[in-house]
């Protein structure tokens, strides 16, 4: 066994379990750290440093956490979250680590958990379900911190209901072809002045990919299907194409240009479908925290 994988033999079992839990929770343990006095924090931090890499131990710590007895107030938190509109709940947790998502799923009602899984990125859903198989007890103080955090986020979402509604419309419009999107936005603006502009500001389109940082663009290009990428770049705006070519080698860029030119004339609808696929991939990568978001055509015209 690798030396890094062996737990420190002289750590008390309770301290070792707490250290594994804090490691599993990561940034989500901030509320717990805030409750510890300096000596407790130093002791726990030292224990975390001495523990080896132990995914099974972290999974067991989360399992114990999930099985810990809940207070009436905690029950109310999970009841409220289970009743929350599913897209809002998915937006609340889609950027959390898989361990945390698994823990949340274990506390929601079965129906709410099922709806949530269908609204999360597939990779995150699968990872969370695998961790849910081995979830364990987590210290009540850690659970209380998580519940407090989620309760605060849920209240904030409730206050932002109008914004959330605009975001849901924006996600729909993201997937429309440019002509239909323009028509619907105009109709929405006519029916409710100001709403169209709000939705437009929340949309994430193919040309918005140009705002990705270098690391984000390179991650996207590495994950993209080459045929989809080539089709999406056909007739792309200069700024969007430049952002792509700036993140590949000179030789790779030359090959891309040759392949794009070799496509010949294409229907606008085919290009829009490829661009929508690339945007959806970017969304999934953003949802998993792998990249950060930056920020009038005929659907069937031929692009030379």
Protein backbone atom coordinates (compact mmCIF):
# COMPACT_ATOMS: atom_id res chain seq x y z
CA UNK A 1 0.00 0.00 0.00
CA UNK A 2 1.22 3.48 -0.79
CA UNK A 3 2.43 5.29 2.34
CA UNK A 4 0.16 8.19 1.59
CA UNK A 5 -2.87 5.89 1.73
CA UNK A 6 -2.22 4.69 5.30
CA UNK A 7 -4.04 6.63 8.04
CA UNK A 8 -2.00 8.00 10.93
CA UNK A 9 -2.07 5.15 13.51
CA UNK A 10 -1.97 7.37 16.61
CA UNK A 11 -5.05 9.50 15.81
CA UNK A 12 -8.07 8.92 18.04
CA UNK A 13 -10.93 7.31 16.04
CA UNK A 14 -13.27 10.25 16.60
CA UNK A 15 -10.63 12.77 15.53
CA UNK A 16 -9.74 10.71 12.45
CA UNK A 17 -13.43 10.45 11.47
CA UNK A 18 -13.93 14.21 11.89
CA UNK A 19 -10.81 14.92 9.83
CA UNK A 20 -12.07 12.66 7.04
CA UNK A 21 -15.45 14.38 7.15
CA UNK A 22 -13.94 17.86 6.91
CA UNK A 23 -11.79 16.74 4.00
CA UNK A 24 -14.86 15.29 2.23
CA UNK A 25 -16.90 18.46 2.80
CA UNK A 26 -14.12 20.77 1.61
CA UNK A 27 -15.26 24.42 1.27
CA UNK A 28 -18.75 23.47 2.45
CA UNK A 29 -17.32 22.96 5.95
CA UNK A 30 -16.76 26.72 6.39
CA UNK A 31 -19.65 27.05 8.85
CA UNK A 32 -18.16 24.29 10.99
CA UNK A 33 -14.69 25.82 11.05
CA UNK A 34 -16.26 29.08 12.21
CA UNK A 35 -17.66 27.32 15.31
CA UNK A 36 -14.30 25.87 16.40
CA UNK A 37 -11.97 27.67 18.76
CA UNK A 38 -8.35 28.20 17.59
CA UNK A 39 -7.02 25.14 19.44
CA UNK A 40 -9.75 22.86 18.08
CA UNK A 41 -9.20 24.16 14.57
CA UNK A 42 -5.43 23.64 14.83
CA UNK A 43 -5.89 20.08 16.14
CA UNK A 44 -8.34 19.17 13.40
CA UNK A 45 -6.22 20.77 10.68
CA UNK A 46 -3.15 18.84 11.86
CA UNK A 47 -5.15 15.60 11.84
CA UNK A 48 -6.29 16.27 8.25
CA UNK A 49 -2.66 16.78 7.21
CA UNK A 50 -1.62 13.48 8.79
CA UNK A 51 -4.35 11.38 7.21
CA UNK A 52 -3.51 9.51 4.04
CA UNK A 53 -5.60 9.50 0.90
CA UNK A 54 -8.65 7.53 2.02
CA UNK A 55 -11.77 7.82 -0.22
CA UNK A 56 -13.42 4.89 1.58
CA UNK A 57 -12.91 6.62 4.93
CA UNK A 58 -14.41 9.84 3.60
CA UNK A 59 -17.39 7.94 2.21
CA UNK A 60 -17.89 6.27 5.59
CA UNK A 61 -17.75 9.65 7.35
CA UNK A 62 -20.46 10.96 5.03
CA UNK A 63 -22.56 7.83 5.60
CA UNK A 64 -22.45 8.33 9.38
CA UNK A 65 -23.31 11.99 8.86
CA UNK A 66 -26.36 11.09 6.78
CA UNK A 67 -27.61 8.63 9.41
CA UNK A 68 -27.24 11.05 12.32
CA UNK A 69 -30.48 12.00 14.07
CA UNK A 70 -32.03 15.19 12.74
CA UNK A 71 -33.68 17.94 14.74
CA UNK A 72 -37.24 19.22 13.92
CA UNK A 73 -35.65 22.35 12.46
CA UNK A 74 -33.41 20.23 10.22
CA UNK A 75 -36.40 18.18 9.08
CA UNK A 76 -38.09 21.43 8.08
CA UNK A 77 -35.07 22.38 5.96
CA UNK A 78 -35.22 19.14 3.97
CA UNK A 79 -38.99 19.35 3.66
CA UNK A 80 -38.65 22.86 2.24
CA UNK A 81 -35.90 21.79 -0.16
CA UNK A 82 -37.92 18.78 -1.31
CA UNK A 83 -40.81 21.12 -2.17
CA UNK A 84 -38.56 23.61 -4.00
CA UNK A 85 -39.03 24.01 -7.74
CA UNK A 86 -36.71 21.38 -9.27
CA UNK A 87 -34.77 23.68 -11.65
CA UNK A 88 -34.14 26.05 -8.73
CA UNK A 89 -32.92 23.19 -6.53
CA UNK A 90 -30.69 21.92 -9.33
CA UNK A 91 -29.25 25.41 -9.76
CA UNK A 92 -28.59 25.57 -6.03
CA UNK A 93 -26.45 22.43 -5.90
CA UNK A 94 -25.15 21.77 -9.44
CA UNK A 95 -21.76 23.30 -8.58
CA UNK A 96 -21.38 21.35 -5.32
CA UNK A 97 -18.99 18.42 -4.97
CA UNK A 98 -20.40 14.96 -5.66
CA UNK A 99 -20.10 13.98 -1.97
CA UNK A 100 -22.32 16.89 -0.97
CA UNK A 101 -24.83 16.16 -3.73
CA UNK A 102 -25.03 12.54 -2.54
CA UNK A 103 -25.67 13.70 1.01
CA UNK A 104 -28.41 16.08 -0.14
CA UNK A 105 -30.04 13.31 -2.19
CA UNK A 106 -30.07 11.08 0.89
CA UNK A 107 -32.10 13.67 2.81
CA UNK A 108 -34.64 14.68 0.16
CA UNK A 109 -37.86 12.78 -0.40
CA UNK A 110 -37.57 10.01 -2.98
CA UNK A 111 -39.66 11.91 -5.50
CA UNK A 112 -37.67 15.13 -5.09
CA UNK A 113 -34.36 13.23 -5.34
CA UNK A 114 -35.49 11.55 -8.57
CA UNK A 115 -36.56 14.87 -10.12
CA UNK A 116 -33.28 16.45 -9.07
CA UNK A 117 -31.17 13.70 -10.64
CA UNK A 118 -32.90 14.26 -13.98
CA UNK A 119 -32.01 17.98 -13.84
CA UNK A 120 -28.32 17.62 -12.95
CA UNK A 121 -25.48 17.10 -15.47
CA UNK A 122 -25.33 13.33 -16.20
CA UNK A 123 -21.75 12.92 -14.98
CA UNK A 124 -22.56 14.59 -11.66
CA UNK A 125 -25.71 12.49 -11.23
CA UNK A 126 -23.81 9.24 -11.79
CA UNK A 127 -20.95 10.24 -9.49
CA UNK A 128 -23.37 11.27 -6.74
CA UNK A 129 -25.35 8.03 -7.04
CA UNK A 130 -22.18 5.96 -6.74
CA UNK A 131 -21.23 7.86 -3.59
CA UNK A 132 -24.76 7.47 -2.26
CA UNK A 133 -24.24 3.71 -2.24
CA UNK A 134 -21.52 4.11 0.39
CA UNK A 135 -22.67 7.21 2.23
CA UNK A 136 -22.23 7.15 5.98
CA UNK A 137 -22.82 9.08 9.17
CA UNK A 138 -21.62 12.66 9.36
CA UNK A 139 -21.04 14.57 12.57
CA UNK A 140 -24.20 16.46 13.65
CA UNK A 141 -22.27 19.75 13.75
CA UNK A 142 -21.24 19.28 10.13
CA UNK A 143 -24.81 18.45 9.15
CA UNK A 144 -26.08 21.52 10.96
CA UNK A 145 -23.59 23.65 9.04
CA UNK A 146 -24.70 22.20 5.72
CA UNK A 147 -28.38 22.65 6.59
CA UNK A 148 -27.80 26.27 7.61
CA UNK A 149 -25.98 26.94 4.35
CA UNK A 150 -28.70 25.32 2.22
CA UNK A 151 -31.47 27.08 4.12
CA UNK A 152 -29.83 30.43 3.46
CA UNK A 153 -29.39 29.64 -0.23
CA UNK A 154 -33.02 28.49 -0.52
CA UNK A 155 -34.25 31.75 1.02
CA UNK A 156 -32.07 33.74 -1.37
CA UNK A 157 -33.51 31.80 -4.31
CA UNK A 158 -37.04 32.54 -3.11
CA UNK A 159 -36.23 36.25 -3.03
CA UNK A 160 -34.81 35.98 -6.55
CA UNK A 161 -37.87 34.22 -7.98
CA UNK A 162 -38.31 36.67 -10.83
CA UNK A 163 -34.67 36.35 -11.81
CA UNK A 164 -34.92 32.55 -11.68
CA UNK A 165 -37.91 32.66 -14.01
CA UNK A 166 -35.96 34.79 -16.46
CA UNK A 167 -33.07 32.35 -16.24
CA UNK A 168 -35.33 29.43 -17.10
CA UNK A 169 -36.63 31.32 -20.15
CA UNK A 170 -33.04 32.19 -21.11
CA UNK A 171 -32.08 28.50 -21.00
CA UNK A 172 -34.94 27.74 -23.40
CA UNK A 173 -33.98 30.58 -25.72
CA UNK A 174 -30.36 29.38 -25.71
CA UNK A 175 -31.55 26.31 -27.58
CA UNK A 176 -33.64 28.12 -30.18
CA UNK A 177 -32.25 28.99 -33.58
CA UNK A 178 -31.28 32.68 -33.84
CA UNK A 179 -34.32 33.70 -35.95
CA UNK A 180 -36.87 32.08 -33.62
CA UNK A 181 -35.07 33.44 -30.58
CA UNK A 182 -35.19 36.97 -31.96
CA UNK A 183 -38.90 36.70 -32.74
CA UNK A 184 -39.80 35.34 -29.31
CA UNK A 185 -37.67 37.93 -27.50
CA UNK A 186 -39.40 40.70 -29.44
CA UNK A 187 -42.82 39.28 -28.55
CA UNK A 188 -41.83 38.95 -24.89
CA UNK A 189 -40.56 42.52 -24.80
CA UNK A 190 -43.84 43.76 -26.33
CA UNK A 191 -45.95 41.81 -23.81
CA UNK A 192 -43.86 42.85 -20.81
CA UNK A 193 -41.41 45.73 -21.46
CA UNK A 194 -38.00 45.15 -19.92
CA UNK A 195 -38.36 41.37 -19.72
CA UNK A 196 -36.86 40.69 -23.14
CA UNK A 197 -33.69 42.58 -22.27
CA UNK A 198 -33.43 40.78 -18.93
CA UNK A 199 -33.70 37.39 -20.65
CA UNK A 200 -31.23 38.43 -23.34
CA UNK A 201 -28.66 39.38 -20.69
CA UNK A 202 -28.94 35.91 -19.13
CA UNK A 203 -28.62 33.95 -22.35
CA UNK A 204 -25.44 32.00 -23.04
CA UNK A 205 -24.79 31.59 -26.75
CA UNK A 206 -22.11 30.24 -29.05
CA UNK A 207 -20.49 33.67 -29.40
CA UNK A 208 -20.30 33.94 -25.59
CA UNK A 209 -17.70 31.14 -25.71
CA UNK A 210 -15.23 33.78 -26.85
CA UNK A 211 -15.33 35.19 -23.30
CA UNK A 212 -13.96 31.96 -21.77
CA UNK A 213 -10.48 32.24 -20.29
CA UNK A 214 -7.63 30.29 -21.88
CA UNK A 215 -7.91 27.37 -19.48
CA UNK A 216 -11.67 27.14 -19.98
CA UNK A 217 -11.41 27.27 -23.78
CA UNK A 218 -8.71 24.60 -23.82
CA UNK A 219 -10.80 22.35 -21.56
CA UNK A 220 -13.80 22.82 -23.84
CA UNK A 221 -11.80 22.08 -26.99
CA UNK A 222 -10.33 18.94 -25.45
CA UNK A 223 -13.81 17.66 -24.56
CA UNK A 224 -15.53 18.63 -27.82
CA UNK A 225 -16.25 16.24 -30.68
CA UNK A 226 -14.02 17.36 -33.54
CA UNK A 227 -16.72 17.07 -36.21
CA UNK A 228 -19.10 19.17 -34.09
CA UNK A 229 -16.38 21.77 -33.47
CA UNK A 230 -15.53 22.06 -37.18
CA UNK A 231 -19.19 22.47 -38.15
CA UNK A 232 -19.78 25.01 -35.37
CA UNK A 233 -16.86 27.14 -36.58
CA UNK A 234 -18.22 27.29 -40.14
CA UNK A 235 -18.99 30.96 -40.79
CA UNK A 236 -18.34 31.88 -37.13
CA UNK A 237 -17.81 35.50 -36.16
CA UNK A 238 -14.19 36.58 -36.32
CA UNK A 239 -13.97 37.18 -32.56
CA UNK A 240 -15.39 33.73 -31.75
CA UNK A 241 -13.13 31.93 -34.22
CA UNK A 242 -10.11 33.91 -33.01
CA UNK A 243 -10.76 32.80 -29.42
CA UNK A 244 -10.65 29.18 -30.56
CA UNK A 245 -7.55 29.48 -32.74
CA UNK A 246 -5.71 31.40 -30.00
CA UNK A 247 -5.91 28.29 -27.83
CA UNK A 248 -4.54 25.72 -30.27
CA UNK A 249 -1.10 25.33 -31.85
CA UNK A 250 -0.32 26.88 -35.23
CA UNK A 251 -0.39 23.46 -36.88
CA UNK A 252 -3.67 22.45 -35.20
CA UNK A 253 -5.19 25.77 -36.26
CA UNK A 254 -4.12 25.29 -39.86
CA UNK A 255 -5.66 21.81 -39.90
CA UNK A 256 -8.91 23.16 -38.46
CA UNK A 257 -9.10 25.85 -41.14
CA UNK A 258 -8.50 23.26 -43.88
CA UNK A 259 -11.23 20.99 -42.51
CA UNK A 260 -13.69 23.89 -42.20
CA UNK A 261 -13.01 24.95 -45.80
CA UNK A 262 -13.44 21.34 -46.95
CA UNK A 263 -17.00 21.24 -45.61
CA UNK A 264 -18.30 23.30 -48.49
CA UNK A 265 -21.71 25.05 -48.32
CA UNK A 266 -23.84 23.97 -45.35
CA UNK A 267 -27.34 24.70 -44.13
CA UNK A 268 -27.56 27.23 -41.33
CA UNK A 269 -29.70 24.78 -39.32
CA UNK A 270 -26.87 22.21 -39.30
CA UNK A 271 -24.40 24.82 -38.08
CA UNK A 272 -26.80 26.06 -35.41
CA UNK A 273 -27.29 22.48 -34.17
CA UNK A 274 -23.53 22.01 -33.86
CA UNK A 275 -23.17 25.31 -32.03
CA UNK A 276 -26.00 24.41 -29.66
CA UNK A 277 -24.22 21.13 -28.92
CA UNK A 278 -20.99 22.97 -28.15
CA UNK A 279 -22.80 25.43 -25.89
CA UNK A 280 -24.51 22.54 -24.06
CA UNK A 281 -21.11 20.90 -23.51
CA UNK A 282 -19.78 24.20 -22.14
CA UNK A 283 -22.79 24.37 -19.81
CA UNK A 284 -22.06 20.90 -18.48
CA UNK A 285 -18.41 21.78 -17.88
CA UNK A 286 -19.47 24.99 -16.12
CA UNK A 287 -21.97 23.03 -14.02
CA UNK A 288 -19.20 20.64 -12.93
CA UNK A 289 -16.92 23.55 -12.10
CA UNK A 290 -14.36 22.57 -14.75
CA UNK A 291 -14.60 25.91 -16.55
CA UNK A 292 -15.92 29.36 -15.67
CA UNK A 293 -18.47 31.22 -17.77
CA UNK A 294 -17.51 34.49 -19.27
CA UNK A 295 -19.96 36.37 -20.99
CA UNK A 296 -30.66 37.91 -37.52
CA UNK A 297 -29.58 34.84 -39.51
CA UNK A 298 -31.67 32.64 -41.81
CA UNK A 299 -31.86 29.21 -40.12
CA UNK A 300 -31.40 27.41 -43.46
CA UNK A 301 -29.19 29.77 -45.42
CA UNK A 302 -26.08 28.35 -47.08
CA UNK A 303 -22.74 29.41 -45.61
CA UNK A 304 -19.94 29.52 -48.16
